N, C-alpha and C. Protein backbone atom coordinates (compact mmCIF):
# COMPACT_ATOMS: atom_id res chain seq x y z
N UNK A 1 -22.91 5.34 -49.15
CA UNK A 1 -23.28 6.72 -48.94
C UNK A 1 -23.20 7.03 -47.44
N UNK A 2 -22.43 8.04 -47.09
CA UNK A 2 -22.25 8.42 -45.70
C UNK A 2 -23.29 9.46 -45.32
N UNK A 3 -23.95 9.22 -44.19
CA UNK A 3 -24.91 10.20 -43.70
C UNK A 3 -24.18 11.21 -42.83
N UNK A 4 -24.57 12.44 -42.95
CA UNK A 4 -24.00 13.49 -42.14
C UNK A 4 -24.69 13.49 -40.78
N UNK A 5 -23.92 13.58 -39.71
CA UNK A 5 -24.47 13.62 -38.36
C UNK A 5 -24.91 15.04 -38.05
N UNK A 6 -26.11 15.15 -37.55
CA UNK A 6 -26.64 16.46 -37.18
C UNK A 6 -26.16 16.82 -35.78
N UNK A 7 -25.45 17.93 -35.66
CA UNK A 7 -25.03 18.45 -34.36
C UNK A 7 -25.82 19.73 -34.12
N UNK A 8 -26.64 19.74 -33.07
CA UNK A 8 -27.44 20.94 -32.81
C UNK A 8 -26.57 22.20 -32.72
N UNK A 9 -27.05 23.31 -33.26
CA UNK A 9 -26.25 24.53 -33.30
C UNK A 9 -25.94 25.08 -31.90
N UNK A 10 -26.74 24.75 -30.90
CA UNK A 10 -26.48 25.29 -29.56
C UNK A 10 -25.52 24.40 -28.77
N UNK A 11 -24.97 23.36 -29.41
CA UNK A 11 -24.04 22.46 -28.75
C UNK A 11 -22.64 22.73 -29.32
N UNK A 12 -21.84 23.53 -28.61
CA UNK A 12 -20.52 23.87 -29.16
C UNK A 12 -19.63 22.63 -29.22
N UNK A 13 -18.85 22.54 -30.28
CA UNK A 13 -17.92 21.43 -30.43
C UNK A 13 -16.71 21.61 -29.54
N UNK A 14 -16.21 22.83 -29.47
CA UNK A 14 -15.11 23.21 -28.58
C UNK A 14 -14.96 24.73 -28.67
N UNK A 15 -13.87 25.24 -28.18
CA UNK A 15 -13.68 26.70 -28.16
C UNK A 15 -13.59 27.30 -29.56
N UNK A 16 -13.04 26.56 -30.52
CA UNK A 16 -12.96 27.07 -31.89
C UNK A 16 -14.03 26.37 -32.71
N UNK A 17 -15.16 26.99 -32.83
CA UNK A 17 -16.32 26.44 -33.53
C UNK A 17 -15.91 25.79 -34.84
N UNK A 18 -16.37 24.55 -35.02
CA UNK A 18 -16.11 23.85 -36.27
C UNK A 18 -14.84 23.03 -36.27
N UNK A 19 -14.00 23.18 -35.29
CA UNK A 19 -12.74 22.44 -35.24
C UNK A 19 -12.86 21.34 -34.20
N UNK A 20 -12.74 20.10 -34.63
CA UNK A 20 -12.81 19.00 -33.66
C UNK A 20 -11.53 18.18 -33.76
N UNK A 21 -11.15 17.54 -32.66
CA UNK A 21 -9.91 16.75 -32.69
C UNK A 21 -10.11 15.47 -33.51
N UNK A 22 -9.02 14.94 -34.00
CA UNK A 22 -9.04 13.63 -34.65
C UNK A 22 -9.28 12.59 -33.55
N UNK A 23 -9.89 11.47 -33.93
CA UNK A 23 -10.15 10.42 -32.94
C UNK A 23 -8.86 9.96 -32.27
N UNK A 24 -7.80 9.84 -33.05
CA UNK A 24 -6.52 9.38 -32.51
C UNK A 24 -5.96 10.37 -31.48
N UNK A 25 -6.34 11.65 -31.58
CA UNK A 25 -5.89 12.63 -30.59
C UNK A 25 -6.58 12.41 -29.25
N UNK A 26 -7.80 11.93 -29.28
CA UNK A 26 -8.51 11.60 -28.04
C UNK A 26 -8.00 10.27 -27.53
N UNK A 27 -7.97 9.29 -28.41
CA UNK A 27 -7.50 7.97 -28.06
C UNK A 27 -8.60 7.10 -27.49
N UNK A 28 -8.53 5.83 -27.81
CA UNK A 28 -9.54 4.88 -27.39
C UNK A 28 -9.66 4.83 -25.87
N UNK A 29 -8.54 4.89 -25.17
CA UNK A 29 -8.55 4.80 -23.71
C UNK A 29 -9.08 6.05 -23.02
N UNK A 30 -9.32 7.11 -23.78
CA UNK A 30 -9.89 8.33 -23.22
C UNK A 30 -11.29 8.62 -23.78
N UNK A 31 -11.78 7.74 -24.65
CA UNK A 31 -13.08 7.93 -25.26
C UNK A 31 -14.13 7.25 -24.38
N UNK A 32 -14.79 8.05 -23.57
CA UNK A 32 -15.69 7.55 -22.53
C UNK A 32 -16.78 6.60 -23.06
N UNK A 33 -17.44 6.87 -24.19
CA UNK A 33 -18.47 5.92 -24.65
C UNK A 33 -17.90 4.51 -24.88
N UNK A 34 -16.71 4.44 -25.41
CA UNK A 34 -16.07 3.13 -25.61
C UNK A 34 -15.82 2.44 -24.27
N UNK A 35 -15.29 3.19 -23.31
CA UNK A 35 -15.02 2.61 -21.99
C UNK A 35 -16.30 2.16 -21.30
N UNK A 36 -17.36 2.97 -21.39
CA UNK A 36 -18.64 2.59 -20.78
C UNK A 36 -19.19 1.31 -21.42
N UNK A 37 -19.04 1.21 -22.74
CA UNK A 37 -19.51 0.02 -23.44
C UNK A 37 -18.73 -1.22 -23.02
N UNK A 38 -17.42 -1.11 -22.89
CA UNK A 38 -16.61 -2.26 -22.44
C UNK A 38 -17.01 -2.69 -21.04
N UNK A 39 -17.18 -1.73 -20.16
CA UNK A 39 -17.56 -2.03 -18.77
C UNK A 39 -18.94 -2.70 -18.74
N UNK A 40 -19.89 -2.13 -19.47
CA UNK A 40 -21.24 -2.67 -19.49
C UNK A 40 -21.25 -4.09 -20.04
N UNK A 41 -20.51 -4.34 -21.11
CA UNK A 41 -20.47 -5.69 -21.68
C UNK A 41 -19.87 -6.69 -20.71
N UNK A 42 -18.83 -6.32 -20.02
CA UNK A 42 -18.23 -7.24 -19.04
C UNK A 42 -19.17 -7.46 -17.86
N UNK A 43 -19.81 -6.39 -17.41
CA UNK A 43 -20.79 -6.51 -16.31
C UNK A 43 -21.91 -7.46 -16.72
N UNK A 44 -22.47 -7.25 -17.91
CA UNK A 44 -23.57 -8.09 -18.38
C UNK A 44 -23.16 -9.55 -18.48
N UNK A 45 -21.95 -9.81 -18.98
CA UNK A 45 -21.47 -11.20 -19.09
C UNK A 45 -21.36 -11.84 -17.71
N UNK A 46 -20.84 -11.11 -16.74
CA UNK A 46 -20.71 -11.64 -15.37
C UNK A 46 -22.08 -11.90 -14.76
N UNK A 47 -22.98 -10.96 -14.93
CA UNK A 47 -24.32 -11.10 -14.35
C UNK A 47 -25.09 -12.22 -15.03
N UNK A 48 -24.97 -12.36 -16.34
CA UNK A 48 -25.67 -13.43 -17.04
C UNK A 48 -25.20 -14.79 -16.54
N UNK A 49 -23.90 -14.94 -16.37
CA UNK A 49 -23.36 -16.21 -15.89
C UNK A 49 -23.94 -16.54 -14.51
N UNK A 50 -24.00 -15.55 -13.64
CA UNK A 50 -24.55 -15.76 -12.30
C UNK A 50 -26.06 -15.98 -12.35
N UNK A 51 -26.76 -15.21 -13.19
CA UNK A 51 -28.22 -15.31 -13.28
C UNK A 51 -28.65 -16.69 -13.79
N UNK A 52 -27.87 -17.24 -14.70
CA UNK A 52 -28.21 -18.56 -15.25
C UNK A 52 -28.25 -19.64 -14.17
N UNK A 53 -27.45 -19.46 -13.13
CA UNK A 53 -27.46 -20.42 -12.02
C UNK A 53 -28.80 -20.43 -11.31
N UNK A 54 -29.57 -19.37 -11.49
CA UNK A 54 -30.89 -19.25 -10.88
C UNK A 54 -32.00 -19.42 -11.90
N UNK A 55 -31.62 -19.84 -13.11
CA UNK A 55 -32.61 -20.03 -14.16
C UNK A 55 -33.14 -18.73 -14.73
N UNK A 56 -32.36 -17.66 -14.61
CA UNK A 56 -32.79 -16.34 -15.07
C UNK A 56 -31.97 -15.88 -16.27
N UNK A 57 -32.60 -15.09 -17.13
CA UNK A 57 -31.88 -14.37 -18.16
C UNK A 57 -31.48 -13.01 -17.57
N UNK A 58 -30.61 -12.31 -18.26
CA UNK A 58 -30.24 -10.96 -17.80
C UNK A 58 -31.47 -10.06 -17.74
N UNK A 59 -32.33 -10.13 -18.75
CA UNK A 59 -33.53 -9.29 -18.78
C UNK A 59 -34.45 -9.61 -17.60
N UNK A 60 -34.62 -10.89 -17.29
CA UNK A 60 -35.46 -11.28 -16.16
C UNK A 60 -34.86 -10.78 -14.85
N UNK A 61 -33.56 -10.91 -14.70
CA UNK A 61 -32.91 -10.42 -13.49
C UNK A 61 -33.08 -8.91 -13.36
N UNK A 62 -32.89 -8.19 -14.47
CA UNK A 62 -33.08 -6.73 -14.44
C UNK A 62 -34.52 -6.38 -14.05
N UNK A 63 -35.47 -7.11 -14.61
CA UNK A 63 -36.88 -6.85 -14.30
C UNK A 63 -37.17 -7.09 -12.83
N UNK A 64 -36.66 -8.18 -12.29
CA UNK A 64 -36.85 -8.45 -10.86
C UNK A 64 -36.21 -7.35 -10.02
N UNK A 65 -35.02 -6.90 -10.43
CA UNK A 65 -34.33 -5.84 -9.68
C UNK A 65 -35.13 -4.54 -9.73
N UNK A 66 -35.63 -4.17 -10.90
CA UNK A 66 -36.40 -2.93 -11.05
C UNK A 66 -37.67 -3.00 -10.21
N UNK A 67 -38.35 -4.14 -10.23
CA UNK A 67 -39.58 -4.28 -9.44
C UNK A 67 -39.27 -4.38 -7.95
N UNK A 68 -38.10 -4.87 -7.59
CA UNK A 68 -37.71 -4.90 -6.18
C UNK A 68 -37.49 -3.49 -5.65
N UNK A 69 -37.03 -2.61 -6.54
CA UNK A 69 -36.83 -1.21 -6.16
C UNK A 69 -38.17 -0.51 -5.98
N UNK A 70 -39.08 -0.74 -6.93
CA UNK A 70 -40.43 -0.15 -6.85
C UNK A 70 -41.38 -1.06 -7.61
N UNK A 71 -42.28 -1.66 -6.89
CA UNK A 71 -43.23 -2.60 -7.47
C UNK A 71 -44.37 -1.86 -8.15
N UNK A 72 -45.04 -2.53 -9.07
CA UNK A 72 -46.23 -1.95 -9.71
C UNK A 72 -45.90 -0.95 -10.79
N UNK A 73 -45.00 -1.32 -11.69
CA UNK A 73 -44.62 -0.42 -12.78
C UNK A 73 -45.32 -0.84 -14.07
N UNK A 74 -45.65 0.13 -14.92
CA UNK A 74 -46.21 -0.21 -16.24
C UNK A 74 -45.12 -0.81 -17.13
N UNK A 75 -45.53 -1.57 -18.14
CA UNK A 75 -44.58 -2.26 -19.01
C UNK A 75 -43.65 -1.28 -19.72
N UNK A 76 -44.16 -0.14 -20.17
CA UNK A 76 -43.29 0.81 -20.87
C UNK A 76 -42.19 1.35 -19.95
N UNK A 77 -42.50 1.52 -18.68
CA UNK A 77 -41.48 1.97 -17.72
C UNK A 77 -40.47 0.86 -17.47
N UNK A 78 -40.96 -0.37 -17.35
CA UNK A 78 -40.05 -1.52 -17.19
C UNK A 78 -39.10 -1.61 -18.39
N UNK A 79 -39.64 -1.40 -19.58
CA UNK A 79 -38.82 -1.45 -20.79
C UNK A 79 -37.70 -0.42 -20.72
N UNK A 80 -38.04 0.80 -20.34
CA UNK A 80 -37.04 1.86 -20.24
C UNK A 80 -35.98 1.52 -19.20
N UNK A 81 -36.41 1.10 -18.02
CA UNK A 81 -35.48 0.87 -16.91
C UNK A 81 -34.65 -0.40 -17.06
N UNK A 82 -35.12 -1.34 -17.89
CA UNK A 82 -34.34 -2.55 -18.13
C UNK A 82 -33.58 -2.47 -19.45
N UNK A 83 -33.66 -1.33 -20.11
CA UNK A 83 -32.98 -1.07 -21.38
C UNK A 83 -33.39 -2.13 -22.41
N UNK A 84 -34.68 -2.24 -22.61
CA UNK A 84 -35.28 -3.24 -23.50
C UNK A 84 -36.35 -2.55 -24.32
N UNK A 85 -36.49 -2.94 -25.59
CA UNK A 85 -37.59 -2.32 -26.34
C UNK A 85 -38.91 -2.88 -25.83
N UNK A 86 -39.97 -2.14 -26.07
CA UNK A 86 -41.26 -2.45 -25.45
C UNK A 86 -41.83 -3.80 -25.88
N UNK A 87 -41.69 -4.17 -27.14
CA UNK A 87 -42.26 -5.45 -27.58
C UNK A 87 -41.50 -6.62 -26.94
N UNK A 88 -40.19 -6.50 -26.83
CA UNK A 88 -39.40 -7.55 -26.17
C UNK A 88 -39.76 -7.62 -24.69
N UNK A 89 -39.97 -6.46 -24.07
CA UNK A 89 -40.36 -6.43 -22.66
C UNK A 89 -41.72 -7.08 -22.47
N UNK A 90 -42.64 -6.82 -23.37
CA UNK A 90 -43.97 -7.42 -23.27
C UNK A 90 -43.88 -8.95 -23.30
N UNK A 91 -43.04 -9.48 -24.20
CA UNK A 91 -42.85 -10.94 -24.27
C UNK A 91 -42.18 -11.46 -23.00
N UNK A 92 -41.22 -10.72 -22.48
CA UNK A 92 -40.54 -11.12 -21.25
C UNK A 92 -41.51 -11.16 -20.07
N UNK A 93 -42.41 -10.19 -20.01
CA UNK A 93 -43.41 -10.15 -18.93
C UNK A 93 -44.31 -11.38 -19.01
N UNK A 94 -44.73 -11.74 -20.20
CA UNK A 94 -45.57 -12.94 -20.36
C UNK A 94 -44.81 -14.18 -19.88
N UNK A 95 -43.56 -14.30 -20.28
CA UNK A 95 -42.74 -15.44 -19.88
C UNK A 95 -42.54 -15.48 -18.35
N UNK A 96 -42.26 -14.32 -17.77
CA UNK A 96 -42.04 -14.26 -16.32
C UNK A 96 -43.33 -14.53 -15.55
N UNK A 97 -44.45 -14.14 -16.14
CA UNK A 97 -45.73 -14.42 -15.49
C UNK A 97 -46.00 -15.93 -15.51
N UNK A 98 -45.67 -16.58 -16.63
CA UNK A 98 -45.83 -18.04 -16.71
C UNK A 98 -44.96 -18.76 -15.67
N UNK A 99 -43.79 -18.21 -15.39
CA UNK A 99 -42.88 -18.81 -14.40
C UNK A 99 -43.33 -18.50 -12.97
N UNK A 100 -44.29 -17.59 -12.84
CA UNK A 100 -44.79 -17.24 -11.51
C UNK A 100 -43.99 -16.17 -10.80
N UNK A 101 -43.12 -15.44 -11.53
CA UNK A 101 -42.28 -14.40 -10.93
C UNK A 101 -43.02 -13.08 -10.75
N UNK A 102 -43.97 -12.82 -11.64
CA UNK A 102 -44.68 -11.54 -11.64
C UNK A 102 -46.15 -11.78 -11.93
N UNK A 103 -46.95 -10.75 -11.67
CA UNK A 103 -48.35 -10.74 -12.10
C UNK A 103 -48.64 -9.37 -12.71
N UNK A 104 -49.61 -9.35 -13.61
CA UNK A 104 -50.06 -8.09 -14.21
C UNK A 104 -51.43 -7.79 -13.65
N UNK A 105 -51.63 -6.51 -13.32
CA UNK A 105 -52.93 -6.07 -12.80
C UNK A 105 -53.28 -4.72 -13.41
N UNK A 106 -54.58 -4.48 -13.62
CA UNK A 106 -54.99 -3.14 -14.06
C UNK A 106 -54.68 -2.12 -12.95
N UNK A 107 -54.29 -0.94 -13.38
CA UNK A 107 -54.00 0.13 -12.42
C UNK A 107 -55.28 0.49 -11.67
N UNK A 108 -55.15 0.65 -10.39
CA UNK A 108 -56.28 1.04 -9.55
C UNK A 108 -56.79 2.41 -10.02
N UNK A 109 -58.06 2.47 -10.34
CA UNK A 109 -58.65 3.73 -10.76
C UNK A 109 -58.60 3.99 -12.25
N UNK A 110 -57.79 3.21 -13.01
CA UNK A 110 -57.71 3.40 -14.45
C UNK A 110 -57.28 2.09 -15.09
N UNK A 111 -58.23 1.26 -15.41
CA UNK A 111 -57.95 -0.09 -15.92
C UNK A 111 -57.35 -0.10 -17.33
N UNK A 112 -57.20 1.06 -17.95
CA UNK A 112 -56.54 1.10 -19.26
C UNK A 112 -55.05 0.80 -19.13
N UNK A 113 -54.50 1.02 -17.95
CA UNK A 113 -53.07 0.81 -17.71
C UNK A 113 -52.86 -0.49 -16.94
N UNK A 114 -51.89 -1.27 -17.39
CA UNK A 114 -51.55 -2.52 -16.73
C UNK A 114 -50.22 -2.31 -15.99
N UNK A 115 -50.21 -2.69 -14.73
CA UNK A 115 -48.99 -2.59 -13.93
C UNK A 115 -48.48 -3.99 -13.61
N UNK A 116 -47.17 -4.09 -13.45
CA UNK A 116 -46.52 -5.37 -13.20
C UNK A 116 -46.01 -5.39 -11.76
N UNK A 117 -46.30 -6.49 -11.08
CA UNK A 117 -45.93 -6.65 -9.67
C UNK A 117 -45.15 -7.95 -9.47
N UNK A 118 -44.24 -7.94 -8.52
CA UNK A 118 -43.54 -9.17 -8.12
C UNK A 118 -44.50 -10.08 -7.36
N UNK A 119 -44.34 -11.37 -7.58
CA UNK A 119 -45.03 -12.34 -6.73
C UNK A 119 -44.07 -12.71 -5.60
N UNK A 120 -44.55 -13.45 -4.63
CA UNK A 120 -43.65 -13.92 -3.57
C UNK A 120 -42.52 -14.76 -4.16
N UNK A 121 -42.84 -15.57 -5.17
CA UNK A 121 -41.81 -16.38 -5.82
C UNK A 121 -40.76 -15.50 -6.48
N UNK A 122 -41.19 -14.49 -7.22
CA UNK A 122 -40.26 -13.58 -7.89
C UNK A 122 -39.40 -12.82 -6.89
N UNK A 123 -40.02 -12.36 -5.81
CA UNK A 123 -39.27 -11.65 -4.78
C UNK A 123 -38.25 -12.59 -4.13
N UNK A 124 -38.65 -13.83 -3.89
CA UNK A 124 -37.75 -14.81 -3.29
C UNK A 124 -36.55 -15.11 -4.18
N UNK A 125 -36.80 -15.27 -5.49
CA UNK A 125 -35.71 -15.52 -6.43
C UNK A 125 -34.73 -14.36 -6.41
N UNK A 126 -35.26 -13.13 -6.45
CA UNK A 126 -34.36 -11.98 -6.45
C UNK A 126 -33.61 -11.87 -5.12
N UNK A 127 -34.26 -12.11 -4.02
CA UNK A 127 -33.58 -12.05 -2.72
C UNK A 127 -32.48 -13.09 -2.61
N UNK A 128 -32.66 -14.26 -3.22
CA UNK A 128 -31.58 -15.26 -3.22
C UNK A 128 -30.45 -14.83 -4.15
N UNK A 129 -30.79 -14.17 -5.25
CA UNK A 129 -29.78 -13.72 -6.21
C UNK A 129 -29.05 -12.46 -5.75
N UNK A 130 -29.70 -11.63 -4.97
CA UNK A 130 -29.17 -10.32 -4.57
C UNK A 130 -27.75 -10.37 -4.00
N UNK A 131 -27.40 -11.29 -3.09
CA UNK A 131 -26.02 -11.28 -2.58
C UNK A 131 -24.97 -11.46 -3.68
N UNK A 132 -25.26 -12.26 -4.69
CA UNK A 132 -24.33 -12.44 -5.79
C UNK A 132 -24.27 -11.17 -6.64
N UNK A 133 -25.41 -10.59 -6.91
CA UNK A 133 -25.51 -9.34 -7.65
C UNK A 133 -24.71 -8.25 -6.94
N UNK A 134 -24.90 -8.18 -5.62
CA UNK A 134 -24.21 -7.17 -4.82
C UNK A 134 -22.70 -7.41 -4.82
N UNK A 135 -22.28 -8.68 -4.75
CA UNK A 135 -20.85 -8.98 -4.80
C UNK A 135 -20.25 -8.46 -6.11
N UNK A 136 -20.94 -8.70 -7.23
CA UNK A 136 -20.45 -8.20 -8.52
C UNK A 136 -20.38 -6.68 -8.54
N UNK A 137 -21.37 -6.05 -7.95
CA UNK A 137 -21.40 -4.59 -7.84
C UNK A 137 -20.19 -4.10 -7.03
N UNK A 138 -19.93 -4.71 -5.88
CA UNK A 138 -18.79 -4.32 -5.04
C UNK A 138 -17.47 -4.56 -5.77
N UNK A 139 -17.38 -5.68 -6.48
CA UNK A 139 -16.17 -6.00 -7.23
C UNK A 139 -15.93 -4.95 -8.32
N UNK A 140 -16.98 -4.52 -8.96
CA UNK A 140 -16.88 -3.52 -10.02
C UNK A 140 -16.25 -2.23 -9.49
N UNK A 141 -16.56 -1.88 -8.25
CA UNK A 141 -16.08 -0.61 -7.69
C UNK A 141 -14.98 -0.80 -6.64
N UNK A 142 -14.32 -1.95 -6.67
CA UNK A 142 -13.22 -2.21 -5.75
C UNK A 142 -12.12 -1.14 -5.93
N UNK A 143 -11.65 -0.61 -4.84
CA UNK A 143 -10.58 0.38 -4.88
C UNK A 143 -11.05 1.80 -5.18
N UNK A 144 -12.33 1.99 -5.29
CA UNK A 144 -12.89 3.33 -5.56
C UNK A 144 -13.51 3.83 -4.27
N UNK A 145 -13.06 4.98 -3.80
CA UNK A 145 -13.53 5.54 -2.54
C UNK A 145 -14.96 6.05 -2.63
N UNK A 146 -15.52 6.31 -1.45
CA UNK A 146 -16.91 6.78 -1.37
C UNK A 146 -17.14 8.07 -2.16
N UNK A 147 -16.22 9.03 -2.01
CA UNK A 147 -16.43 10.30 -2.72
C UNK A 147 -16.28 10.14 -4.23
N UNK A 148 -15.34 9.28 -4.65
CA UNK A 148 -15.20 9.00 -6.09
C UNK A 148 -16.47 8.35 -6.63
N UNK A 149 -17.00 7.40 -5.87
CA UNK A 149 -18.22 6.72 -6.28
C UNK A 149 -19.37 7.70 -6.39
N UNK A 150 -19.52 8.56 -5.38
CA UNK A 150 -20.60 9.56 -5.39
C UNK A 150 -20.45 10.49 -6.60
N UNK A 151 -19.23 10.96 -6.87
CA UNK A 151 -18.99 11.82 -8.02
C UNK A 151 -19.28 11.09 -9.33
N UNK A 152 -18.90 9.82 -9.40
CA UNK A 152 -19.13 9.02 -10.59
C UNK A 152 -20.63 8.88 -10.87
N UNK A 153 -21.41 8.55 -9.85
CA UNK A 153 -22.86 8.39 -10.01
C UNK A 153 -23.49 9.73 -10.40
N UNK A 154 -23.03 10.81 -9.80
CA UNK A 154 -23.53 12.15 -10.16
C UNK A 154 -23.26 12.43 -11.63
N UNK A 155 -22.07 12.10 -12.10
CA UNK A 155 -21.70 12.30 -13.50
C UNK A 155 -22.57 11.42 -14.41
N UNK A 156 -22.80 10.17 -14.01
CA UNK A 156 -23.65 9.29 -14.81
C UNK A 156 -25.06 9.85 -14.95
N UNK A 157 -25.58 10.42 -13.87
CA UNK A 157 -26.93 11.02 -13.94
C UNK A 157 -26.94 12.21 -14.89
N UNK A 158 -25.87 12.98 -14.92
CA UNK A 158 -25.79 14.11 -15.86
C UNK A 158 -25.75 13.60 -17.30
N UNK A 159 -24.98 12.54 -17.54
CA UNK A 159 -24.90 11.96 -18.88
C UNK A 159 -26.26 11.39 -19.27
N UNK A 160 -26.90 10.69 -18.35
CA UNK A 160 -28.22 10.13 -18.63
C UNK A 160 -29.21 11.24 -18.99
N UNK A 161 -29.14 12.34 -18.28
CA UNK A 161 -30.00 13.48 -18.60
C UNK A 161 -29.70 14.02 -20.01
N UNK A 162 -28.42 14.00 -20.39
CA UNK A 162 -28.04 14.47 -21.73
C UNK A 162 -28.60 13.59 -22.85
N UNK A 163 -28.81 12.30 -22.57
CA UNK A 163 -29.29 11.38 -23.59
C UNK A 163 -30.76 11.02 -23.43
N UNK A 164 -31.47 11.70 -22.56
CA UNK A 164 -32.88 11.37 -22.28
C UNK A 164 -33.76 11.36 -23.52
N UNK A 165 -33.42 12.12 -24.55
CA UNK A 165 -34.23 12.15 -25.76
C UNK A 165 -34.14 10.84 -26.52
N UNK A 166 -33.20 9.98 -26.17
CA UNK A 166 -33.08 8.68 -26.82
C UNK A 166 -34.12 7.71 -26.23
N UNK A 167 -34.55 6.72 -26.99
CA UNK A 167 -35.60 5.80 -26.50
C UNK A 167 -35.07 4.70 -25.59
N UNK A 168 -34.07 4.98 -24.80
CA UNK A 168 -33.57 4.02 -23.83
C UNK A 168 -33.49 4.73 -22.55
């Protein structure tokens, strides 16, 4: 049984309402979600291989990176920013705390909320990993000029805003 996809009425399909192109008319090489998925999968494979050299999983590396950007985040925010469901993130936090990479503390002024912080060990691991992470980042954008990169990131933020209603 095929489920019908709901397309909101305020989201036009194209200039002639109700008429959409065949997938083959767009083509796989022009279908942006497919291209983004291929790029993300290759990026993740490269990063996982590098992270393993430091005894890290991809999720742990992402968590260290997110906390390096801004320390003291709640678990639900870490889950969103590391693209992980909350229960998996909770288990990852426990594991990372056992390894001494992070600590959990009640939020100052409201102990109902638990925030996650990098330890010196966690910060050190990420700082040692960062040059490799950055090399992969630079390699990913090799041959792309500054203005193209800026436009690309701007476009990604617009797309992210379009999908914000999703739980990732």
